[in-house]
Amino acid sequence: MNQKDRYIFKEFSEQIHKHFPKARIIAFGSRVRGNETWESDLDICVVSEYTEPEISDKIRHIAWEVGFENDRIISTIILNTYQFEHGPMSESTLVRNINQYGIAA
């Protein structure tokens, strides 16, 4: 992950933790692997205790604001703790890759 992406990830994580202190935040994807192109987004998984629509909306709004300020699109995957650790998604290739290659905040 390059220096600018680390900065953006840090900014995003700090904003999320202001509102959701227990959230787990994990960057993954091409920008973490270092094989991004100029058009790649910054993929971030947010694992929160709850994922009601207003919580997901707040997370997406923060992603838009931080991304806009830094000329980067931030794509979020928002899962609750059960979904990430025990639900069907926990067995998905996506979650396995996040766990294996992701960078936690």
PDB file of N, CA and C in Angstrom:
ATOM      1  N   MET A   1       0.855  -1.170   0.000  1.00  0.00           N
ATOM      2  CA  MET A   1       0.000   0.000   0.000  1.00  0.00           C
ATOM      3  C   MET A   1       0.903   1.236   0.000  1.00  0.00           C
ATOM      4  N   ASN A   2       0.628   2.150  -0.922  1.00  0.00           N
ATOM      5  CA  ASN A   2       1.475   3.329  -1.001  1.00  0.00           C
ATOM      6  C   ASN A   2       1.145   4.331   0.105  1.00  0.00           C
ATOM      7  N   GLN A   3       1.983   5.331   0.227  1.00  0.00           N
ATOM      8  CA  GLN A   3       1.879   6.295   1.323  1.00  0.00           C
ATOM      9  C   GLN A   3       0.552   7.060   1.297  1.00  0.00           C
ATOM     10  N   LYS A   4       0.105   7.492   0.115  1.00  0.00           N
ATOM     11  CA  LYS A   4      -1.159   8.230   0.022  1.00  0.00           C
ATOM     12  C   LYS A   4      -2.327   7.356   0.461  1.00  0.00           C
ATOM     13  N   ASP A   5      -2.346   6.097   0.025  1.00  0.00           N
ATOM     14  CA  ASP A   5      -3.428   5.200   0.413  1.00  0.00           C
ATOM     15  C   ASP A   5      -3.410   4.921   1.917  1.00  0.00           C
ATOM     16  N   ARG A   6      -2.218   4.815   2.493  1.00  0.00           N
ATOM     17  CA  ARG A   6      -2.116   4.635   3.952  1.00  0.00           C
ATOM     18  C   ARG A   6      -2.715   5.841   4.680  1.00  0.00           C
ATOM     19  N   TYR A   7      -2.415   7.029   4.187  1.00  0.00           N
ATOM     20  CA  TYR A   7      -2.952   8.248   4.780  1.00  0.00           C
ATOM     21  C   TYR A   7      -4.487   8.252   4.698  1.00  0.00           C
ATOM     22  N   ILE A   8      -5.020   7.944   3.526  1.00  0.00           N
ATOM     23  CA  ILE A   8      -6.470   7.918   3.324  1.00  0.00           C
ATOM     24  C   ILE A   8      -7.110   6.867   4.231  1.00  0.00           C
ATOM     25  N   PHE A   9      -6.510   5.702   4.303  1.00  0.00           N
ATOM     26  CA  PHE A   9      -7.018   4.623   5.160  1.00  0.00           C
ATOM     27  C   PHE A   9      -7.022   5.064   6.622  1.00  0.00           C
ATOM     28  N   LYS A  10      -5.982   5.740   7.036  1.00  0.00           N
ATOM     29  CA  LYS A  10      -5.897   6.232   8.415  1.00  0.00           C
ATOM     30  C   LYS A  10      -6.988   7.262   8.681  1.00  0.00           C
ATOM     31  N   GLU A  11      -7.169   8.201   7.771  1.00  0.00           N
ATOM     32  CA  GLU A  11      -8.207   9.226   7.916  1.00  0.00           C
ATOM     33  C   GLU A  11      -9.592   8.585   8.004  1.00  0.00           C
ATOM     34  N   PHE A  12      -9.873   7.662   7.099  1.00  0.00           N
ATOM     35  CA  PHE A  12     -11.157   6.971   7.095  1.00  0.00           C
ATOM     36  C   PHE A  12     -11.361   6.232   8.417  1.00  0.00           C
ATOM     37  N   SER A  13     -10.359   5.493   8.851  1.00  0.00           N
ATOM     38  CA  SER A  13     -10.454   4.713  10.088  1.00  0.00           C
ATOM     39  C   SER A  13     -10.712   5.599  11.298  1.00  0.00           C
ATOM     40  N   GLU A  14     -10.027   6.729  11.372  1.00  0.00           N
ATOM     41  CA  GLU A  14     -10.232   7.647  12.495  1.00  0.00           C
ATOM     42  C   GLU A  14     -11.657   8.182  12.517  1.00  0.00           C
ATOM     43  N   GLN A  15     -12.183   8.522  11.349  1.00  0.00           N
ATOM     44  CA  GLN A  15     -13.560   9.016  11.281  1.00  0.00           C
ATOM     45  C   GLN A  15     -14.567   7.932  11.678  1.00  0.00           C
ATOM     46  N   ILE A  16     -14.347   6.730  11.207  1.00  0.00           N
ATOM     47  CA  ILE A  16     -15.250   5.632  11.567  1.00  0.00           C
ATOM     48  C   ILE A  16     -15.206   5.382  13.067  1.00  0.00           C
ATOM     49  N   HIS A  17     -14.013   5.351  13.632  1.00  0.00           N
ATOM     50  CA  HIS A  17     -13.886   5.067  15.068  1.00  0.00           C
ATOM     51  C   HIS A  17     -14.478   6.165  15.948  1.00  0.00           C
ATOM     52  N   LYS A  18     -14.590   7.381  15.447  1.00  0.00           N
ATOM     53  CA  LYS A  18     -15.270   8.439  16.206  1.00  0.00           C
ATOM     54  C   LYS A  18     -16.738   8.093  16.426  1.00  0.00           C
ATOM     55  N   HIS A  19     -17.333   7.462  15.440  1.00  0.00           N
ATOM     56  CA  HIS A  19     -18.760   7.128  15.496  1.00  0.00           C
ATOM     57  C   HIS A  19     -19.019   5.693  15.952  1.00  0.00           C
ATOM     58  N   PHE A  20     -18.092   4.813  15.605  1.00  0.00           N
ATOM     59  CA  PHE A  20     -18.252   3.388  15.901  1.00  0.00           C
ATOM     60  C   PHE A  20     -16.941   2.852  16.472  1.00  0.00           C
ATOM     61  N   PRO A  21     -16.673   3.111  17.758  1.00  0.00           N
ATOM     62  CA  PRO A  21     -15.366   2.783  18.349  1.00  0.00           C
ATOM     63  C   PRO A  21     -14.982   1.303  18.277  1.00  0.00           C
ATOM     64  N   LYS A  22     -15.955   0.411  18.240  1.00  0.00           N
ATOM     65  CA  LYS A  22     -15.649  -1.024  18.236  1.00  0.00           C
ATOM     66  C   LYS A  22     -15.505  -1.608  16.831  1.00  0.00           C
ATOM     67  N   ALA A  23     -15.709  -0.808  15.808  1.00  0.00           N
ATOM     68  CA  ALA A  23     -15.652  -1.313  14.429  1.00  0.00           C
ATOM     69  C   ALA A  23     -14.251  -1.814  14.086  1.00  0.00           C
ATOM     70  N   ARG A  24     -14.220  -2.912  13.339  1.00  0.00           N
ATOM     71  CA  ARG A  24     -12.965  -3.414  12.768  1.00  0.00           C
ATOM     72  C   ARG A  24     -12.913  -2.908  11.338  1.00  0.00           C
ATOM     73  N   ILE A  25     -11.762  -2.383  10.946  1.00  0.00           N
ATOM     74  CA  ILE A  25     -11.623  -1.774   9.626  1.00  0.00           C
ATOM     75  C   ILE A  25     -10.416  -2.403   8.947  1.00  0.00           C
ATOM     76  N   ILE A  26     -10.661  -2.949   7.747  1.00  0.00           N
ATOM     77  CA  ILE A  26      -9.622  -3.706   7.051  1.00  0.00           C
ATOM     78  C   ILE A  26      -9.568  -3.267   5.588  1.00  0.00           C
ATOM     79  N   ALA A  27      -8.411  -2.790   5.155  1.00  0.00           N
ATOM     80  CA  ALA A  27      -8.201  -2.457   3.740  1.00  0.00           C
ATOM     81  C   ALA A  27      -7.783  -3.727   3.007  1.00  0.00           C
ATOM     82  N   PHE A  28      -8.248  -3.856   1.765  1.00  0.00           N
ATOM     83  CA  PHE A  28      -7.909  -5.041   0.973  1.00  0.00           C
ATOM     84  C   PHE A  28      -7.960  -4.664  -0.504  1.00  0.00           C
ATOM     85  N   GLY A  29      -7.650  -5.596  -1.352  1.00  0.00           N
ATOM     86  CA  GLY A  29      -7.769  -5.363  -2.784  1.00  0.00           C
ATOM     87  C   GLY A  29      -6.477  -4.912  -3.438  1.00  0.00           C
ATOM     88  N   SER A  30      -6.613  -4.392  -4.650  1.00  0.00           N
ATOM     89  CA  SER A  30      -5.443  -4.089  -5.479  1.00  0.00           C
ATOM     90  C   SER A  30      -4.528  -3.037  -4.865  1.00  0.00           C
ATOM     91  N   ARG A  31      -5.072  -2.066  -4.171  1.00  0.00           N
ATOM     92  CA  ARG A  31      -4.225  -1.021  -3.572  1.00  0.00           C
ATOM     93  C   ARG A  31      -3.405  -1.582  -2.412  1.00  0.00           C
ATOM     94  N   VAL A  32      -3.925  -2.565  -1.710  1.00  0.00           N
ATOM     95  CA  VAL A  32      -3.154  -3.220  -0.646  1.00  0.00           C
ATOM     96  C   VAL A  32      -2.102  -4.138  -1.260  1.00  0.00           C
ATOM     97  N   ARG A  33      -2.470  -4.849  -2.313  1.00  0.00           N
ATOM     98  CA  ARG A  33      -1.530  -5.765  -2.966  1.00  0.00           C
ATOM     99  C   ARG A  33      -0.432  -5.031  -3.728  1.00  0.00           C
ATOM    100  N   GLY A  34      -0.701  -3.778  -4.103  1.00  0.00           N
ATOM    101  CA  GLY A  34       0.293  -3.004  -4.840  1.00  0.00           C
ATOM    102  C   GLY A  34       0.198  -3.162  -6.340  1.00  0.00           C
ATOM    103  N   ASN A  35      -0.905  -3.715  -6.829  1.00  0.00           N
ATOM    104  CA  ASN A  35      -1.058  -3.873  -8.277  1.00  0.00           C
ATOM    105  C   ASN A  35      -2.223  -3.024  -8.816  1.00  0.00           C
ATOM    106  N   GLU A  36      -2.446  -1.871  -8.173  1.00  0.00           N
ATOM    107  CA  GLU A  36      -3.519  -0.979  -8.581  1.00  0.00           C
ATOM    108  C   GLU A  36      -3.182  -0.275  -9.890  1.00  0.00           C
ATOM    109  N   THR A  37      -4.204   0.247 -10.535  1.00  0.00           N
ATOM    110  CA  THR A  37      -4.038   1.141 -11.688  1.00  0.00           C
ATOM    111  C   THR A  37      -4.514   2.516 -11.242  1.00  0.00           C
ATOM    112  N   TRP A  38      -4.386   3.500 -12.114  1.00  0.00           N
ATOM    113  CA  TRP A  38      -4.796   4.858 -11.767  1.00  0.00           C
ATOM    114  C   TRP A  38      -6.279   4.935 -11.427  1.00  0.00           C
ATOM    115  N   GLU A  39      -7.071   4.013 -11.936  1.00  0.00           N
ATOM    116  CA  GLU A  39      -8.517   4.061 -11.708  1.00  0.00           C
ATOM    117  C   GLU A  39      -8.996   3.138 -10.591  1.00  0.00           C
ATOM    118  N   SER A  40      -8.109   2.464  -9.908  1.00  0.00           N
ATOM    119  CA  SER A  40      -8.503   1.536  -8.837  1.00  0.00           C
ATOM    120  C   SER A  40      -9.076   2.287  -7.642  1.00  0.00           C
ATOM    121  N   ASP A  41     -10.099   1.692  -7.051  1.00  0.00           N
ATOM    122  CA  ASP A  41     -10.643   2.249  -5.824  1.00  0.00           C
ATOM    123  C   ASP A  41      -9.890   1.676  -4.625  1.00  0.00           C
ATOM    124  N   LEU A  42     -10.156   2.234  -3.457  1.00  0.00           N
ATOM    125  CA  LEU A  42      -9.579   1.724  -2.217  1.00  0.00           C
ATOM    126  C   LEU A  42     -10.671   0.916  -1.535  1.00  0.00           C
ATOM    127  N   ASP A  43     -10.487  -0.399  -1.481  1.00  0.00           N
ATOM    128  CA  ASP A  43     -11.475  -1.308  -0.901  1.00  0.00           C
ATOM    129  C   ASP A  43     -11.269  -1.412   0.602  1.00  0.00           C
ATOM    130  N   ILE A  44     -12.344  -1.191   1.344  1.00  0.00           N
ATOM    131  CA  ILE A  44     -12.272  -1.260   2.799  1.00  0.00           C
ATOM    132  C   ILE A  44     -13.482  -2.031   3.327  1.00  0.00           C
ATOM    133  N   CYS A  45     -13.198  -2.994   4.204  1.00  0.00           N
ATOM    134  CA  CYS A  45     -14.245  -3.748   4.877  1.00  0.00           C
ATOM    135  C   CYS A  45     -14.421  -3.165   6.278  1.00  0.00           C
ATOM    136  N   VAL A  46     -15.658  -2.864   6.639  1.00  0.00           N
ATOM    137  CA  VAL A  46     -15.977  -2.385   7.980  1.00  0.00           C
ATOM    138  C   VAL A  46     -16.844  -3.454   8.641  1.00  0.00           C
ATOM    139  N   VAL A  47     -16.357  -3.967   9.753  1.00  0.00           N
ATOM    140  CA  VAL A  47     -17.099  -4.971  10.513  1.00  0.00           C
ATOM    141  C   VAL A  47     -17.577  -4.280  11.783  1.00  0.00           C
ATOM    142  N   SER A  48     -18.884  -4.143  11.874  1.00  0.00           N
ATOM    143  CA  SER A  48     -19.489  -3.429  12.986  1.00  0.00           C
ATOM    144  C   SER A  48     -20.425  -4.361  13.741  1.00  0.00           C
ATOM    145  N   GLU A  49     -20.644  -4.042  14.991  1.00  0.00           N
ATOM    146  CA  GLU A  49     -21.560  -4.857  15.795  1.00  0.00           C
ATOM    147  C   GLU A  49     -22.948  -4.882  15.153  1.00  0.00           C
ATOM    148  N   TYR A  50     -23.362  -3.742  14.646  1.00  0.00           N
ATOM    149  CA  TYR A  50     -24.679  -3.622  14.012  1.00  0.00           C
ATOM    150  C   TYR A  50     -24.521  -2.993  12.628  1.00  0.00           C
ATOM    151  N   THR A  51     -25.445  -3.307  11.733  1.00  0.00           N
ATOM    152  CA  THR A  51     -25.373  -2.748  10.373  1.00  0.00           C
ATOM    153  C   THR A  51     -26.744  -2.264   9.897  1.00  0.00           C
ATOM    154  N   GLU A  52     -27.491  -1.628  10.789  1.00  0.00           N
ATOM    155  CA  GLU A  52     -28.771  -1.052  10.376  1.00  0.00           C
ATOM    156  C   GLU A  52     -28.527  -0.049   9.256  1.00  0.00           C
ATOM    157  N   PRO A  53     -29.556   0.240   8.463  1.00  0.00           N
ATOM    158  CA  PRO A  53     -29.375   1.158   7.329  1.00  0.00           C
ATOM    159  C   PRO A  53     -28.738   2.498   7.706  1.00  0.00           C
ATOM    160  N   GLU A  54     -29.111   3.073   8.847  1.00  0.00           N
ATOM    161  CA  GLU A  54     -28.528   4.376   9.207  1.00  0.00           C
ATOM    162  C   GLU A  54     -27.034   4.259   9.525  1.00  0.00           C
ATOM    163  N   ILE A  55     -26.605   3.116  10.057  1.00  0.00           N
ATOM    164  CA  ILE A  55     -25.180   2.888  10.317  1.00  0.00           C
ATOM    165  C   ILE A  55     -24.432   2.727   8.998  1.00  0.00           C
ATOM    166  N   SER A  56     -24.968   1.903   8.120  1.00  0.00           N
ATOM    167  CA  SER A  56     -24.338   1.716   6.801  1.00  0.00           C
ATOM    168  C   SER A  56     -24.285   3.026   6.025  1.00  0.00           C
ATOM    169  N   ASP A  57     -25.355   3.809   6.100  1.00  0.00           N
ATOM    170  CA  ASP A  57     -25.367   5.113   5.418  1.00  0.00           C
ATOM    171  C   ASP A  57     -24.285   6.029   5.962  1.00  0.00           C
ATOM    172  N   LYS A  58     -24.103   6.053   7.273  1.00  0.00           N
ATOM    173  CA  LYS A  58     -23.078   6.898   7.893  1.00  0.00           C
ATOM    174  C   LYS A  58     -21.686   6.463   7.431  1.00  0.00           C
ATOM    175  N   ILE A  59     -21.441   5.159   7.398  1.00  0.00           N
ATOM    176  CA  ILE A  59     -20.146   4.639   6.961  1.00  0.00           C
ATOM    177  C   ILE A  59     -19.886   5.025   5.506  1.00  0.00           C
ATOM    178  N   ARG A  60     -20.887   4.863   4.661  1.00  0.00           N
ATOM    179  CA  ARG A  60     -20.729   5.221   3.247  1.00  0.00           C
ATOM    180  C   ARG A  60     -20.528   6.724   3.062  1.00  0.00           C
ATOM    181  N   HIS A  61     -21.193   7.515   3.872  1.00  0.00           N
ATOM    182  CA  HIS A  61     -21.025   8.963   3.804  1.00  0.00           C
ATOM    183  C   HIS A  61     -19.589   9.358   4.183  1.00  0.00           C
ATOM    184  N   ILE A  62     -19.070   8.756   5.222  1.00  0.00           N
ATOM    185  CA  ILE A  62     -17.684   9.014   5.622  1.00  0.00           C
ATOM    186  C   ILE A  62     -16.734   8.604   4.494  1.00  0.00           C
ATOM    187  N   ALA A  63     -16.995   7.444   3.886  1.00  0.00           N
ATOM    188  CA  ALA A  63     -16.152   6.988   2.776  1.00  0.00           C
ATOM    189  C   ALA A  63     -16.176   7.993   1.634  1.00  0.00           C
ATOM    190  N   TRP A  64     -17.353   8.513   1.321  1.00  0.00           N
ATOM    191  CA  TRP A  64     -17.454   9.496   0.240  1.00  0.00           C
ATOM    192  C   TRP A  64     -16.687  10.756   0.595  1.00  0.00           C
ATOM    193  N   GLU A  65     -16.877  11.278   1.823  1.00  0.00           N
ATOM    194  CA  GLU A  65     -16.205  12.519   2.225  1.00  0.00           C
ATOM    195  C   GLU A  65     -14.683  12.380   2.210  1.00  0.00           C
ATOM    196  N   VAL A  66     -14.181  11.327   2.835  1.00  0.00           N
ATOM    197  CA  VAL A  66     -12.728  11.129   2.898  1.00  0.00           C
ATOM    198  C   VAL A  66     -12.171  10.886   1.497  1.00  0.00           C
ATOM    199  N   GLY A  67     -12.862  10.099   0.713  1.00  0.00           N
ATOM    200  CA  GLY A  67     -12.422   9.850  -0.651  1.00  0.00           C
ATOM    201  C   GLY A  67     -12.422  11.108  -1.501  1.00  0.00           C
ATOM    202  N   PHE A  68     -13.477  11.901  -1.412  1.00  0.00           N
ATOM    203  CA  PHE A  68     -13.581  13.137  -2.183  1.00  0.00           C
ATOM    204  C   PHE A  68     -12.454  14.099  -1.832  1.00  0.00           C
ATOM    205  N   GLU A  69     -12.193  14.243  -0.532  1.00  0.00           N
ATOM    206  CA  GLU A  69     -11.131  15.151  -0.076  1.00  0.00           C
ATOM    207  C   GLU A  69      -9.746  14.710  -0.553  1.00  0.00           C
ATOM    208  N   ASN A  70      -9.597  13.428  -0.873  1.00  0.00           N
ATOM    209  CA  ASN A  70      -8.292  12.883  -1.234  1.00  0.00           C
ATOM    210  C   ASN A  70      -8.229  12.351  -2.658  1.00  0.00           C
ATOM    211  N   ASP A  71      -9.228  12.690  -3.480  1.00  0.00           N
ATOM    212  CA  ASP A  71      -9.251  12.288  -4.879  1.00  0.00           C
ATOM    213  C   ASP A  71      -9.131  10.773  -5.043  1.00  0.00           C
ATOM    214  N   ARG A  72      -9.911  10.052  -4.232  1.00  0.00           N
ATOM    215  CA  ARG A  72      -9.869   8.589  -4.270  1.00  0.00           C
ATOM    216  C   ARG A  72     -11.282   8.059  -4.017  1.00  0.00           C
ATOM    217  N   ILE A  73     -11.699   7.080  -4.769  1.00  0.00           N
ATOM    218  CA  ILE A  73     -12.972   6.416  -4.493  1.00  0.00           C
ATOM    219  C   ILE A  73     -12.712   5.337  -3.453  1.00  0.00           C
ATOM    220  N   ILE A  74     -13.484   5.374  -2.381  1.00  0.00           N
ATOM    221  CA  ILE A  74     -13.407   4.346  -1.341  1.00  0.00           C
ATOM    222  C   ILE A  74     -14.645   3.488  -1.472  1.00  0.00           C
ATOM    223  N   SER A  75     -14.449   2.202  -1.729  1.00  0.00           N
ATOM    224  CA  SER A  75     -15.545   1.241  -1.792  1.00  0.00           C
ATOM    225  C   SER A  75     -15.596   0.473  -0.483  1.00  0.00           C
ATOM    226  N   THR A  76     -16.782   0.418   0.104  1.00  0.00           N
ATOM    227  CA  THR A  76     -16.904  -0.243   1.396  1.00  0.00           C
ATOM    228  C   THR A  76     -17.721  -1.523   1.299  1.00  0.00           C
ATOM    229  N   ILE A  77     -17.288  -2.513   2.042  1.00  0.00           N
ATOM    230  CA  ILE A  77     -18.058  -3.719   2.318  1.00  0.00           C
ATOM    231  C   ILE A  77     -18.392  -3.610   3.795  1.00  0.00           C
ATOM    232  N   ILE A  78     -19.674  -3.608   4.128  1.00  0.00           N
ATOM    233  CA  ILE A  78     -20.086  -3.425   5.516  1.00  0.00           C
ATOM    234  C   ILE A  78     -20.798  -4.691   5.975  1.00  0.00           C
ATOM    235  N   LEU A  79     -20.218  -5.316   6.995  1.00  0.00           N
ATOM    236  CA  LEU A  79     -20.775  -6.554   7.537  1.00  0.00           C
ATOM    237  C   LEU A  79     -20.872  -6.443   9.051  1.00  0.00           C
ATOM    238  N   ASN A  80     -21.858  -7.128   9.623  1.00  0.00           N
ATOM    239  CA  ASN A  80     -21.866  -7.173  11.077  1.00  0.00           C
ATOM    240  C   ASN A  80     -20.942  -8.307  11.528  1.00  0.00           C
ATOM    241  N   THR A  81     -20.648  -8.318  12.802  1.00  0.00           N
ATOM    242  CA  THR A  81     -19.682  -9.278  13.339  1.00  0.00           C
ATOM    243  C   THR A  81     -20.091 -10.711  13.037  1.00  0.00           C
ATOM    244  N   TYR A  82     -21.372 -11.030  13.204  1.00  0.00           N
ATOM    245  CA  TYR A  82     -21.823 -12.392  12.934  1.00  0.00           C
ATOM    246  C   TYR A  82     -21.602 -12.755  11.469  1.00  0.00           C
ATOM    247  N   GLN A  83     -21.988 -11.886  10.559  1.00  0.00           N
ATOM    248  CA  GLN A  83     -21.813 -12.165   9.133  1.00  0.00           C
ATOM    249  C   GLN A  83     -20.354 -12.429   8.796  1.00  0.00           C
ATOM    250  N   PHE A  84     -19.467 -11.619   9.359  1.00  0.00           N
ATOM    251  CA  PHE A  84     -18.044 -11.725   9.051  1.00  0.00           C
ATOM    252  C   PHE A  84     -17.407 -12.972   9.658  1.00  0.00           C
ATOM    253  N   GLU A  85     -17.825 -13.349  10.856  1.00  0.00           N
ATOM    254  CA  GLU A  85     -17.175 -14.444  11.573  1.00  0.00           C
ATOM    255  C   GLU A  85     -17.881 -15.791  11.466  1.00  0.00           C
ATOM    256  N   HIS A  86     -19.215 -15.794  11.304  1.00  0.00           N
ATOM    257  CA  HIS A  86     -19.935 -17.068  11.378  1.00  0.00           C
ATOM    258  C   HIS A  86     -20.974 -17.287  10.277  1.00  0.00           C
ATOM    259  N   GLY A  87     -21.438 -16.240   9.653  1.00  0.00           N
ATOM    260  CA  GLY A  87     -22.481 -16.373   8.638  1.00  0.00           C
ATOM    261  C   GLY A  87     -21.941 -16.928   7.338  1.00  0.00           C
ATOM    262  N   PRO A  88     -22.802 -17.090   6.352  1.00  0.00           N
ATOM    263  CA  PRO A  88     -22.373 -17.607   5.051  1.00  0.00           C
ATOM    264  C   PRO A  88     -21.233 -16.790   4.427  1.00  0.00           C
ATOM    265  N   MET A  89     -21.230 -15.487   4.648  1.00  0.00           N
ATOM    266  CA  MET A  89     -20.150 -14.657   4.099  1.00  0.00           C
ATOM    267  C   MET A  89     -18.787 -15.028   4.673  1.00  0.00           C
ATOM    268  N   SER A  90     -18.764 -15.560   5.887  1.00  0.00           N
ATOM    269  CA  SER A  90     -17.484 -15.910   6.514  1.00  0.00           C
ATOM    270  C   SER A  90     -16.755 -16.994   5.726  1.00  0.00           C
ATOM    271  N   GLU A  91     -17.486 -17.760   4.931  1.00  0.00           N
ATOM    272  CA  GLU A  91     -16.897 -18.823   4.110  1.00  0.00           C
ATOM    273  C   GLU A  91     -16.639 -18.385   2.671  1.00  0.00           C
ATOM    274  N   SER A  92     -16.945 -17.141   2.371  1.00  0.00           N
ATOM    275  CA  SER A  92     -16.785 -16.658   0.996  1.00  0.00           C
ATOM    276  C   SER A  92     -15.317 -16.383   0.675  1.00  0.00           C
ATOM    277  N   THR A  93     -15.013 -16.407  -0.603  1.00  0.00           N
ATOM    278  CA  THR A  93     -13.675 -16.062  -1.065  1.00  0.00           C
ATOM    279  C   THR A  93     -13.332 -14.632  -0.665  1.00  0.00           C
ATOM    280  N   LEU A  94     -14.305 -13.743  -0.730  1.00  0.00           N
ATOM    281  CA  LEU A  94     -14.073 -12.344  -0.375  1.00  0.00           C
ATOM    282  C   LEU A  94     -13.576 -12.221   1.067  1.00  0.00           C
ATOM    283  N   VAL A  95     -14.295 -12.800   2.008  1.00  0.00           N
ATOM    284  CA  VAL A  95     -13.902 -12.689   3.422  1.00  0.00           C
ATOM    285  C   VAL A  95     -12.594 -13.433   3.672  1.00  0.00           C
ATOM    286  N   ARG A  96     -12.400 -14.566   3.030  1.00  0.00           N
ATOM    287  CA  ARG A  96     -11.118 -15.270   3.193  1.00  0.00           C
ATOM    288  C   ARG A  96      -9.956 -14.404   2.719  1.00  0.00           C
ATOM    289  N   ASN A  97     -10.117 -13.716   1.580  1.00  0.00           N
ATOM    290  CA  ASN A  97      -9.060 -12.827   1.088  1.00  0.00           C
ATOM    291  C   ASN A  97      -8.857 -11.627   2.000  1.00  0.00           C
ATOM    292  N   ILE A  98      -9.926 -11.078   2.525  1.00  0.00           N
ATOM    293  CA  ILE A  98      -9.807  -9.958   3.466  1.00  0.00           C
ATOM    294  C   ILE A  98      -9.010 -10.408   4.681  1.00  0.00           C
ATOM    295  N   ASN A  99      -9.349 -11.571   5.226  1.00  0.00           N
ATOM    296  CA  ASN A  99      -8.636 -12.093   6.405  1.00  0.00           C
ATOM    297  C   ASN A  99      -7.176 -12.415   6.111  1.00  0.00           C
ATOM    298  N   GLN A 100      -6.926 -12.965   4.933  1.00  0.00           N
ATOM    299  CA  GLN A 100      -5.578 -13.409   4.609  1.00  0.00           C
ATOM    300  C   GLN A 100      -4.665 -12.262   4.173  1.00  0.00           C
ATOM    301  N   TYR A 101      -5.168 -11.334   3.373  1.00  0.00           N
ATOM    302  CA  TYR A 101      -4.304 -10.328   2.771  1.00  0.00           C
ATOM    303  C   TYR A 101      -4.590  -8.898   3.235  1.00  0.00           C
ATOM    304  N   GLY A 102      -5.678  -8.707   3.970  1.00  0.00           N
ATOM    305  CA  GLY A 102      -6.065  -7.369   4.382  1.00  0.00           C
ATOM    306  C   GLY A 102      -5.131  -6.753   5.409  1.00  0.00           C
ATOM    307  N   ILE A 103      -5.190  -5.431   5.497  1.00  0.00           N
ATOM    308  CA  ILE A 103      -4.432  -4.670   6.478  1.00  0.00           C
ATOM    309  C   ILE A 103      -5.429  -4.032   7.435  1.00  0.00           C
ATOM    310  N   ALA A 104      -5.342  -4.381   8.694  1.00  0.00           N
ATOM    311  CA  ALA A 104      -6.266  -3.837   9.696  1.00  0.00           C
ATOM    312  C   ALA A 104      -5.815  -2.462  10.166  1.00  0.00           C
ATOM    313  N   ALA A 105      -6.798  -1.623  10.467  1.00  0.00           N
ATOM    314  CA  ALA A 105      -6.505  -0.279  11.001  1.00  0.00           C
ATOM    315  C   ALA A 105      -6.087  -0.402  12.448  1.00  0.00           C
TER     316      ALA A 105
END
